[in-house]
């Protein structure tokens, strides 16, 4: 994740699962903070579907 297009692609995949999800991307740390009713595994899979590596770093 290195640009606005990357964050938009990730946000699009996550909000497709949960339209009320809050997605905050930090390009400097290459992290995404997500508030959603979806499971962690669903969010990780959505990020992977967008074409990016993903793993939980804190819950």
Protein backbone atom coordinates (compact mmCIF):
# COMPACT_ATOMS: atom_id res chain seq x y z
CA UNK A 1 0.00 0.00 0.00
CA UNK A 2 1.76 3.11 -1.18
CA UNK A 3 -0.76 5.54 -2.65
CA UNK A 4 -4.32 6.80 -2.64
CA UNK A 5 -5.31 4.24 -5.26
CA UNK A 6 -4.19 1.46 -2.92
CA UNK A 7 -6.22 2.80 -0.02
CA UNK A 8 -9.24 3.30 -2.26
CA UNK A 9 -9.07 -0.31 -3.48
CA UNK A 10 -8.84 -1.62 0.09
CA UNK A 11 -11.63 0.65 1.30
CA UNK A 12 -13.85 -0.45 -1.58
CA UNK A 13 -13.44 -4.14 -0.74
CA UNK A 14 -14.07 -3.65 2.97
CA UNK A 15 -17.11 -1.42 2.49
CA UNK A 16 -18.52 -3.97 0.04
CA UNK A 17 -18.75 -6.29 3.07
CA UNK A 18 -20.01 -3.64 5.49
CA UNK A 19 -21.29 -0.34 4.12
CA UNK A 20 -21.00 1.27 7.53
CA UNK A 21 -17.37 0.22 8.07
CA UNK A 22 -14.87 2.91 8.99
CA UNK A 23 -11.55 2.46 7.18
CA UNK A 24 -8.50 4.58 8.02
CA UNK A 25 -5.30 3.97 6.09
CA UNK A 26 -1.84 5.14 7.12
CA UNK A 27 0.48 5.15 4.13
CA UNK A 28 3.57 5.86 6.24
CA UNK A 29 3.15 2.73 8.35
CA UNK A 30 1.30 0.84 5.59
CA UNK A 31 -1.47 -0.11 7.97
CA UNK A 32 -5.25 0.00 7.89
CA UNK A 33 -7.47 0.50 10.95
CA UNK A 34 -10.98 -0.84 10.43
CA UNK A 35 -14.09 -0.50 12.59
CA UNK A 36 -16.67 -2.97 11.33
CA UNK A 37 -19.17 -5.60 12.37
CA UNK A 38 -17.40 -8.10 10.09
CA UNK A 39 -15.03 -10.73 11.40
CA UNK A 40 -11.30 -10.14 11.35
CA UNK A 41 -10.85 -12.97 8.87
CA UNK A 42 -13.40 -11.39 6.52
CA UNK A 43 -11.52 -8.08 6.62
CA UNK A 44 -8.19 -9.80 5.99
CA UNK A 45 -9.69 -11.66 3.03
CA UNK A 46 -11.17 -8.43 1.63
CA UNK A 47 -7.74 -6.79 1.73
CA UNK A 48 -6.21 -9.82 0.03
CA UNK A 49 -8.97 -9.71 -2.60
CA UNK A 50 -7.96 -6.10 -3.28
CA UNK A 51 -4.49 -7.46 -4.07
CA UNK A 52 -2.58 -6.68 -0.89
CA UNK A 53 -0.93 -8.75 1.83
CA UNK A 54 -2.76 -8.58 5.14
CA UNK A 55 -2.33 -9.79 8.68
CA UNK A 56 -3.74 -8.78 12.04
CA UNK A 57 -1.24 -6.76 14.05
CA UNK A 58 -3.50 -5.98 17.04
CA UNK A 59 -7.10 -6.49 18.01
